[in-house]
Structure formats: C-alpha cells, structure tokens
Amino acid sequence: MRRSIHSVITGTGSFIPRDVVDNNSFLAHEFYDPHGKAYPNTNQEIIQKFEDITGIRERRYVTEDLVTSDVATQAARQALATSKTDREMLDYIIVAHNFGDIRRDTGRSDMVPSLAARVKHKLGVKNPKTIAYDLPFGCPGWLQGVIQTDYYLRSGDATRSLVIGAETLSRVLDPHDRDSMIYADGAGAAILEARQSDRPQGILSHATRCDTIDHAYLLQMDRSYNACYDGDELFLKMDGHKVYEYALRTVPEVVKESLSKACTSLRDVKKVLLHQANEKLDHAILKRVYRLFGEKEIPADVMPMTISWLGNSSVATLPTLLDLLMRGKLNNHELDSGDVIAFASVGAGMNINALVYQIP
C-alpha cells in the first residue's frame, strides 16, 4: 500500500494569564447601549443575565508588562518542549492574532515587525529558512493556520510548523459595553509535523467559508458607547444577536462538510472542540450538528468547555483548550490513540472553519 504524508500534532502549549477577573469586578462599571443610553437594569441584573447566557464567571487578563507576542512566545516554548522539537528545524512560524502588540500605557497597536517575526526573534531562531508570518482571520485564525500548515506539510515542501494563537482582548474592550465582559487574554500553540503512513492519521479533512456580503461588519472597531468618554480610542464592537444567528445557522454546516470529506461518522467523534465564545451558543451549535446527522442523543462529555473560567480569548481559545485536553487537565476528558476530534470556530469576517483530526 502506498504511504502518504499526514499532518500530525506532536506537541502543544499554552499561556494562561495569572490575573483572574471575576464578574463582580464589573459591578462598578457604567454600561450603555449602542445608542449611548444607560440601561435601566442594575449592574447586578446585567451581570447575572450575562452569566446565565454566556456561562462566563471569570476571565484572565495579562499583566501590564506583557504584550501579545510575549504570551505567544511563552506558549510556543511550551509546545517546543513537549514535542522535543529543535526550533532551528521549524519551516514555519504562523501567529494568528487580530490586534498586534497593544501596550497598556498607549492603547495603540504595534504590528511592525509582524508578531511572528517577534516570536521568532524571542525564541532565538537563527534559521533564515524558518518563515514567520501573521494570520489575522478573526477567532478562527489559529485553526486556519493549522489548515494552511496541512497544505505545506502534505505538499512535501515542509516538515514541521509552529502555529500559535494569541490575543490580549482586554486592551481593546470598551468598559462601557456589556460585551466587554466576554473578552479575555491568552495564548495557545501547537507543533505539527509531516509523517508518512499507510493509514489515515492526524488531519483527515477541513473546510472553511467566508461570508462578507452581509456579515463582514458584525464585528468591527468603533468608539465607546459612553458619549462622554474622553478619548479617541476605538474598541471592539459586536452585533451579538446577529453573530449568534449566523453562527447557529452556519457552523453546523461547515462541521458536517468537514466530517463528510473525512468519510467520518459523527458517532466516531470522541470530542468536539468549539470556539469558546458563548456557552449557550456552543450547546445550541452542538445540538444542531447532531440533528444534521439524524442523531437525537448527544454523548455526555463530548464537548469540553473552558469558557466559565477562561472567557473568550479569540484565537487562543481552541489551542488552549486542546493543550489542556492533551495534558489531561480537564476533568472527565481524555484522549487515546485512534480517537477522532472535530474542531470548529467562527469569528470576525465572518469566517468559519472546521477540521477533523485523528490521534495517531
């Protein structure tokens, strides 16, 4: 039988900031609607409703001395260590992010040089053939970097790649916007290597779609909801209701497309790793995925969740979730050789991707 090249994850890493920000930290905030009007509800009522919908009780913020490339580098070092990879042997370093290095003192984004170039520099990689570049693709950025890596590895032109997702959303949130409670900071990374095998393993399939005609600006940068806010900064804004509807309608279709490409049944999937954006939304998406396959019963513990204590760290959520899972750090969740994982993410653009992976 002919041996084929397969893309296999050989190591993972993550950086979880030490500063814990619980929901009570928002009790003193002044929240306004998109029209600049104060809400009639008390902050306690606003926060309780937020927690009931999103499942978020706390999140992590980076300390003032760190920027996105710093946390990306720390996650990368851990992935290199667990995979026992010589950093000089990396063909690619791909860093998924959306806002660059934002310093707390200025609030301005610094994207030159690229974050990937900064990470390569901080790792001390001297090899000029290690190509480093950034990937801004919304929340699905890390998974898209993995998809791009799969093409590189299976082409035979590359042997190993480091894919990082890192973000410091705490520095682009509007303190007067209720949605600011969603966002968090963090970084996750994975090493992927090319392996020859006569049986399928590693990445089995993937699918991506991008809907910009009607949905490009569901997430965008805009001024504070507080009309009296003294500053010219732009903050991350989201049309949460429309994002919810779009994701619920579209993500299950992309997951099904990826599973169909892999000729894999949903019953063969051990874990479903969804982007951690909203607990209620994730459960609704999972239910609709199973419905698309005619399945009424959803297996217990099929979908690990970290959003209750990590919040939504954009591109960092999936690689951080994967790292915790691979390290056995999530209760009631284990992986063994041969297990199949389905990944999916949705975010700014609007972009959606999904990937099917089998543990070697």
Protein backbone atom coordinates (compact mmCIF):
# COMPACT_ATOMS: atom_id res chain seq x y z
CA MET A 1 0.00 0.00 0.00
CA ARG A 2 1.24 3.48 -0.91
CA ARG A 3 2.42 5.56 2.04
CA SER A 4 1.00 9.09 2.23
CA ILE A 5 2.05 12.22 4.09
CA HIS A 6 -0.13 13.16 7.04
CA SER A 7 -0.06 16.22 9.31
CA VAL A 8 0.27 15.23 12.96
CA ILE A 9 0.27 17.34 16.13
CA THR A 10 3.37 16.39 18.11
CA GLY A 11 3.22 18.96 20.90
CA THR A 12 1.05 21.67 22.41
CA GLY A 13 1.47 24.56 24.79
CA SER A 14 -0.50 27.43 26.29
CA PHE A 15 -0.17 30.55 28.38
CA ILE A 16 -2.98 31.30 30.82
CA PRO A 17 -2.58 34.75 32.43
CA ARG A 18 -2.36 34.81 36.19
CA ASP A 19 -4.72 37.75 36.82
CA VAL A 20 -8.25 36.48 37.46
CA VAL A 21 -11.10 38.92 36.82
CA ASP A 22 -14.42 37.68 38.15
CA ASN A 23 -17.85 39.07 37.29
CA ASN A 24 -18.04 41.13 40.47
CA SER A 25 -15.23 43.24 39.05
CA PHE A 26 -17.80 44.83 36.71
CA LEU A 27 -20.27 45.91 39.40
CA ALA A 28 -18.96 49.48 39.42
CA HIS A 29 -18.97 49.89 35.62
CA GLU A 30 -21.32 52.27 33.82
CA PHE A 31 -22.91 50.33 30.96
CA TYR A 32 -24.55 51.99 27.95
CA ASP A 33 -26.42 50.62 24.95
CA PRO A 34 -25.21 51.23 21.35
CA HIS A 35 -27.23 54.48 21.31
CA GLY A 36 -25.41 55.83 24.35
CA LYS A 37 -28.28 55.36 26.77
CA ALA A 38 -27.78 53.91 30.24
CA TYR A 39 -29.54 50.61 30.92
CA PRO A 40 -32.46 50.71 33.38
CA ASN A 41 -31.29 47.43 34.95
CA THR A 42 -28.88 47.31 37.85
CA ASN A 43 -25.36 46.06 37.19
CA GLN A 44 -26.12 43.02 39.31
CA GLU A 45 -29.03 42.16 37.00
CA ILE A 46 -26.94 42.83 33.87
CA ILE A 47 -24.09 40.65 35.11
CA GLN A 48 -26.38 37.80 36.20
CA LYS A 49 -28.12 37.71 32.82
CA PHE A 50 -24.74 37.81 31.10
CA GLU A 51 -23.51 34.85 33.15
CA ASP A 52 -26.70 32.87 32.51
CA ILE A 53 -26.29 33.25 28.74
CA THR A 54 -22.53 33.00 28.26
CA GLY A 55 -21.59 30.77 31.19
CA ILE A 56 -18.68 33.10 31.95
CA ARG A 57 -17.94 33.59 35.64
CA GLU A 58 -14.37 34.81 35.31
CA ARG A 59 -11.69 35.51 32.75
CA ARG A 60 -7.91 36.13 32.62
CA TYR A 61 -6.09 39.37 31.77
CA VAL A 62 -2.36 39.73 31.11
CA THR A 63 -0.23 41.89 33.40
CA GLU A 64 0.80 45.36 32.22
CA ASP A 65 4.35 44.26 31.37
CA LEU A 66 3.22 41.73 28.73
CA VAL A 67 2.09 42.12 25.13
CA THR A 68 0.63 39.59 22.72
CA SER A 69 3.96 38.48 21.24
CA ASP A 70 5.22 37.79 24.78
CA VAL A 71 2.41 35.38 25.62
CA ALA A 72 2.63 33.85 22.15
CA THR A 73 6.31 33.14 22.76
CA GLN A 74 5.64 31.51 26.12
CA ALA A 75 3.03 29.18 24.60
CA ALA A 76 5.45 28.41 21.77
CA ARG A 77 8.26 27.46 24.16
CA GLN A 78 5.96 25.02 25.91
CA ALA A 79 4.88 23.44 22.60
CA LEU A 80 8.50 23.09 21.50
CA ALA A 81 9.39 21.45 24.80
CA THR A 82 6.54 18.93 24.81
CA SER A 83 7.24 17.95 21.19
CA LYS A 84 11.02 17.87 21.77
CA THR A 85 11.39 19.91 18.59
CA ASP A 86 14.61 21.68 17.64
CA ARG A 87 13.41 25.24 16.96
CA GLU A 88 16.02 25.59 14.19
CA MET A 89 14.21 22.83 12.30
CA LEU A 90 10.93 24.74 12.03
CA ASP A 91 9.84 25.51 8.47
CA TYR A 92 7.07 27.90 9.50
CA ILE A 93 6.03 30.00 12.46
CA ILE A 94 2.45 31.20 12.00
CA VAL A 95 0.95 33.56 14.55
CA ALA A 96 -2.81 34.11 14.45
CA HIS A 97 -3.96 37.31 16.14
CA ASN A 98 -6.07 40.36 15.29
CA PHE A 99 -4.72 43.39 17.14
CA GLY A 100 -0.94 43.11 17.27
CA ASP A 101 1.05 44.14 20.33
CA ILE A 102 -1.09 46.62 22.28
CA ARG A 103 0.64 48.36 25.15
CA ARG A 104 -1.45 49.27 28.18
CA ASP A 105 0.10 52.73 28.51
CA THR A 106 -0.65 53.92 24.97
CA GLY A 107 -3.53 51.68 23.87
CA ARG A 108 -2.09 51.68 20.35
CA SER A 109 -1.48 48.61 18.24
CA ASP A 110 2.05 47.85 17.03
CA MET A 111 2.14 45.41 14.12
CA VAL A 112 5.54 46.13 12.55
CA PRO A 113 7.51 43.95 12.60
CA SER A 114 4.97 41.13 12.45
CA LEU A 115 4.22 39.26 15.65
CA ALA A 116 5.55 36.08 14.05
CA ALA A 117 8.86 37.83 13.38
CA ARG A 118 8.93 38.97 17.01
CA VAL A 119 8.21 35.45 18.24
CA LYS A 120 10.95 34.02 16.03
CA HIS A 121 13.33 36.66 17.42
CA LYS A 122 12.33 35.99 21.04
CA LEU A 123 12.73 32.23 20.52
CA GLY A 124 16.22 32.88 19.20
CA VAL A 125 15.62 31.03 15.91
CA LYS A 126 18.53 31.81 13.56
CA ASN A 127 17.47 29.70 10.58
CA PRO A 128 16.61 32.06 7.65
CA LYS A 129 14.52 29.27 6.12
CA THR A 130 12.09 29.41 9.05
CA ILE A 131 9.35 31.54 7.51
CA ALA A 132 7.42 33.62 10.02
CA TYR A 133 4.17 35.40 9.20
CA ASP A 134 0.95 36.62 10.80
CA LEU A 135 -2.59 35.45 10.16
CA PRO A 136 -5.42 37.87 11.05
CA PHE A 137 -8.59 35.84 10.46
CA GLY A 138 -10.83 36.58 13.42
CA CYS A 139 -11.37 33.94 16.09
CA PRO A 140 -10.84 31.06 13.58
CA GLY A 141 -7.28 32.28 12.93
CA TRP A 142 -5.41 29.55 14.78
CA LEU A 143 -7.41 26.78 13.13
CA GLN A 144 -6.85 28.43 9.73
CA GLY A 145 -3.12 28.43 10.46
CA VAL A 146 -3.35 24.69 11.12
CA ILE A 147 -5.21 24.27 7.82
CA GLN A 148 -2.53 26.20 5.93
CA THR A 149 0.14 24.10 7.63
CA ASP A 150 -1.61 20.94 6.45
CA TYR A 151 -1.19 22.10 2.85
CA TYR A 152 2.51 22.88 3.41
CA LEU A 153 3.24 19.52 5.02
CA ARG A 154 1.29 17.35 2.61
CA SER A 155 2.93 19.09 -0.35
CA GLY A 156 6.28 17.74 0.82
CA ASP A 157 7.85 21.23 0.87
CA ALA A 158 7.78 21.48 4.66
CA THR A 159 8.37 19.09 7.55
CA ARG A 160 7.24 20.92 10.69
CA SER A 161 5.38 24.07 11.63
CA LEU A 162 4.61 26.03 14.78
CA VAL A 163 1.09 27.51 14.83
CA ILE A 164 0.20 29.98 17.59
CA GLY A 165 -3.00 31.77 18.53
CA ALA A 166 -2.55 34.73 20.87
CA GLU A 167 -4.61 37.74 21.88
CA THR A 168 -4.90 40.43 24.55
CA LEU A 169 -8.52 41.46 24.11
CA SER A 170 -8.53 43.21 27.49
CA ARG A 171 -6.81 46.11 25.71
CA VAL A 172 -9.47 46.61 23.03
CA LEU A 173 -12.62 46.36 25.16
CA ASP A 174 -14.94 49.25 25.90
CA PRO A 175 -15.51 49.39 29.67
CA HIS A 176 -18.99 50.84 28.99
CA ASP A 177 -20.08 47.96 26.75
CA ARG A 178 -21.73 44.88 28.28
CA ASP A 179 -19.91 42.71 25.74
CA SER A 180 -16.62 43.73 27.36
CA MET A 181 -17.28 41.02 29.96
CA ILE A 182 -16.89 38.34 27.27
CA TYR A 183 -13.31 39.04 26.32
CA ALA A 184 -10.12 37.60 27.78
CA ASP A 185 -6.41 37.17 27.11
CA GLY A 186 -4.25 34.13 26.46
CA ALA A 187 -2.18 32.10 24.01
CA GLY A 188 -2.04 28.55 22.72
CA ALA A 189 0.33 26.79 20.34
CA ALA A 190 0.86 23.50 18.53
CA ILE A 191 3.69 21.84 16.63
CA LEU A 192 2.62 19.95 13.51
CA GLU A 193 4.90 17.53 11.69
CA ALA A 194 4.71 15.58 8.44
CA ARG A 195 4.54 11.80 8.89
CA GLN A 196 4.41 9.09 6.29
CA SER A 197 1.87 6.35 6.95
CA ASP A 198 -0.15 3.79 5.04
CA ARG A 199 -3.22 4.54 7.14
CA PRO A 200 -5.05 7.84 7.80
CA GLN A 201 -3.95 9.75 10.88
CA GLY A 202 -3.58 13.32 12.03
CA ILE A 203 -5.56 15.83 9.97
CA LEU A 204 -8.20 13.96 7.99
CA SER A 205 -10.06 16.91 6.46
CA HIS A 206 -11.02 20.54 6.82
CA ALA A 207 -13.46 23.12 5.46
CA THR A 208 -13.59 26.92 5.51
CA ARG A 209 -16.10 29.55 4.43
CA CYS A 210 -16.14 33.36 4.45
CA ASP A 211 -19.37 35.40 4.29
CA THR A 212 -18.62 39.10 3.75
CA ILE A 213 -21.51 40.48 1.68
CA ASP A 214 -23.98 40.70 4.56
CA HIS A 215 -21.81 39.80 7.55
CA ALA A 216 -18.41 41.50 7.20
CA TYR A 217 -19.11 44.10 9.88
CA LEU A 218 -20.81 42.05 12.57
CA LEU A 219 -17.59 42.67 14.49
CA GLN A 220 -15.75 45.93 13.98
CA MET A 221 -13.86 48.70 15.73
CA ASP A 222 -15.80 51.76 16.90
CA ARG A 223 -15.95 54.45 19.57
CA SER A 224 -17.08 53.92 23.16
CA TYR A 225 -20.80 53.61 23.89
CA ASN A 226 -20.29 56.32 26.52
CA ALA A 227 -20.76 59.58 24.59
CA CYS A 228 -18.89 61.41 27.35
CA TYR A 229 -15.84 59.15 27.13
CA ASP A 230 -12.75 61.34 26.91
CA GLY A 231 -10.54 59.65 24.36
CA ASP A 232 -10.16 58.82 20.67
CA GLU A 233 -9.58 55.07 21.06
CA LEU A 234 -11.53 52.56 19.02
CA PHE A 235 -12.90 49.48 20.76
CA LEU A 236 -14.03 46.04 19.63
CA LYS A 237 -17.78 46.05 18.94
CA MET A 238 -20.05 43.12 18.16
CA ASP A 239 -23.63 42.73 16.95
CA GLY A 240 -24.12 39.82 19.31
CA HIS A 241 -27.63 38.87 18.23
CA LYS A 242 -26.73 38.65 14.54
CA VAL A 243 -23.47 36.81 15.30
CA TYR A 244 -25.46 34.28 17.33
CA GLU A 245 -27.94 33.70 14.50
CA TYR A 246 -25.22 33.46 11.84
CA ALA A 247 -23.09 31.04 13.85
CA LEU A 248 -26.01 28.80 14.77
CA ARG A 249 -27.16 28.62 11.17
CA THR A 250 -23.77 28.16 9.52
CA VAL A 251 -21.22 26.48 11.81
CA PRO A 252 -23.04 23.09 11.87
CA GLU A 253 -23.00 23.01 8.06
CA VAL A 254 -19.22 23.51 7.95
CA VAL A 255 -18.69 20.83 10.59
CA LYS A 256 -20.80 18.43 8.54
CA GLU A 257 -18.86 19.32 5.39
CA SER A 258 -15.55 18.53 7.07
CA LEU A 259 -16.80 15.24 8.50
CA SER A 260 -18.17 14.26 5.09
CA LYS A 261 -14.81 14.99 3.47
CA ALA A 262 -13.18 12.69 6.00
CA CYS A 263 -15.81 9.99 5.38
CA THR A 264 -16.26 10.01 9.15
CA SER A 265 -19.46 9.42 11.05
CA LEU A 266 -20.40 11.74 13.89
CA ARG A 267 -20.65 8.63 16.05
CA ASP A 268 -16.91 8.13 15.55
CA VAL A 269 -16.10 11.56 17.03
CA LYS A 270 -14.75 11.37 20.58
CA LYS A 271 -14.58 15.11 21.25
CA VAL A 272 -16.00 18.25 19.65
CA LEU A 273 -13.84 21.32 20.29
CA LEU A 274 -15.79 24.51 19.55
CA HIS A 275 -14.52 28.05 19.85
CA GLN A 276 -15.34 29.17 23.39
CA ALA A 277 -17.41 32.30 22.79
CA ASN A 278 -20.76 31.71 24.44
CA GLU A 279 -21.80 28.60 26.37
CA LYS A 280 -25.45 28.79 25.30
CA LEU A 281 -24.42 29.21 21.65
CA ASP A 282 -21.93 26.34 21.77
CA HIS A 283 -24.53 23.94 23.15
CA ALA A 284 -27.04 25.09 20.53
CA ILE A 285 -24.48 24.54 17.75
CA LEU A 286 -23.63 21.07 19.08
CA LYS A 287 -27.31 20.13 19.21
CA ARG A 288 -27.81 21.26 15.62
CA VAL A 289 -24.73 19.35 14.43
CA TYR A 290 -26.16 16.13 15.87
CA ARG A 291 -29.54 16.91 14.37
CA LEU A 292 -27.94 17.28 10.90
CA PHE A 293 -26.72 13.70 11.24
CA GLY A 294 -30.09 12.47 12.48
CA GLU A 295 -28.74 11.90 15.97
CA LYS A 296 -31.05 12.72 18.88
CA GLU A 297 -28.76 11.74 21.74
CA ILE A 298 -25.63 13.78 22.45
CA PRO A 299 -22.95 11.80 24.32
CA ALA A 300 -22.05 13.09 27.75
CA ASP A 301 -18.74 14.95 27.96
CA VAL A 302 -18.34 15.14 24.18
CA MET A 303 -17.71 18.90 24.29
CA PRO A 304 -15.09 20.17 26.78
CA MET A 305 -15.73 23.72 27.99
CA THR A 306 -13.33 26.27 29.47
CA ILE A 307 -15.30 29.46 28.93
CA SER A 308 -16.61 29.60 32.52
CA TRP A 309 -13.12 30.36 33.85
CA LEU A 310 -11.14 31.50 30.79
CA GLY A 311 -13.70 33.60 28.91
CA ASN A 312 -13.31 34.25 25.18
CA SER A 313 -9.67 34.80 24.21
CA SER A 314 -10.40 34.73 20.47
CA VAL A 315 -7.71 32.82 18.53
CA ALA A 316 -6.26 31.46 21.78
CA THR A 317 -9.38 29.57 22.87
CA LEU A 318 -9.04 26.48 20.66
CA PRO A 319 -5.28 25.87 21.06
CA THR A 320 -5.54 26.48 24.82
CA LEU A 321 -8.47 24.06 25.05
CA LEU A 322 -6.54 21.48 23.03
CA ASP A 323 -3.43 21.87 25.19
CA LEU A 324 -5.40 21.40 28.42
CA LEU A 325 -7.11 18.37 26.92
CA MET A 326 -3.86 16.79 25.69
CA ARG A 327 -2.27 17.32 29.09
CA GLY A 328 -5.17 15.70 30.93
CA LYS A 329 -6.02 18.95 32.72
CA LEU A 330 -9.77 18.80 32.06
CA ASN A 331 -11.90 16.62 34.32
CA ASN A 332 -13.80 13.77 32.61
CA HIS A 333 -11.99 14.36 29.32
CA GLU A 334 -9.30 12.02 28.00
CA LEU A 335 -7.90 11.15 24.60
CA ASP A 336 -6.39 7.90 23.34
CA SER A 337 -4.73 6.75 20.15
CA GLY A 338 -7.29 6.44 17.36
CA ASP A 339 -9.73 8.96 18.88
CA VAL A 340 -11.27 11.46 16.47
CA ILE A 341 -11.64 15.17 17.29
CA ALA A 342 -13.81 17.67 15.40
CA PHE A 343 -12.72 21.32 15.65
CA ALA A 344 -14.78 24.37 14.66
CA SER A 345 -14.55 28.12 15.05
CA VAL A 346 -16.40 31.25 13.94
CA GLY A 347 -15.46 34.90 14.11
CA ALA A 348 -14.87 38.31 12.56
CA GLY A 349 -15.15 38.46 8.82
CA MET A 350 -17.41 36.48 9.10
CA ASN A 351 -15.22 33.41 8.88
CA ILE A 352 -15.93 29.80 9.79
CA ASN A 353 -13.72 26.73 9.65
CA ALA A 354 -13.80 23.14 10.81
CA LEU A 355 -11.24 20.33 10.94
CA VAL A 356 -11.29 16.59 11.66
CA TYR A 357 -8.28 15.11 13.42
CA GLN A 358 -7.42 11.54 14.46
CA ILE A 359 -4.95 10.93 17.28
CA PRO A 360 -2.05 8.80 15.93
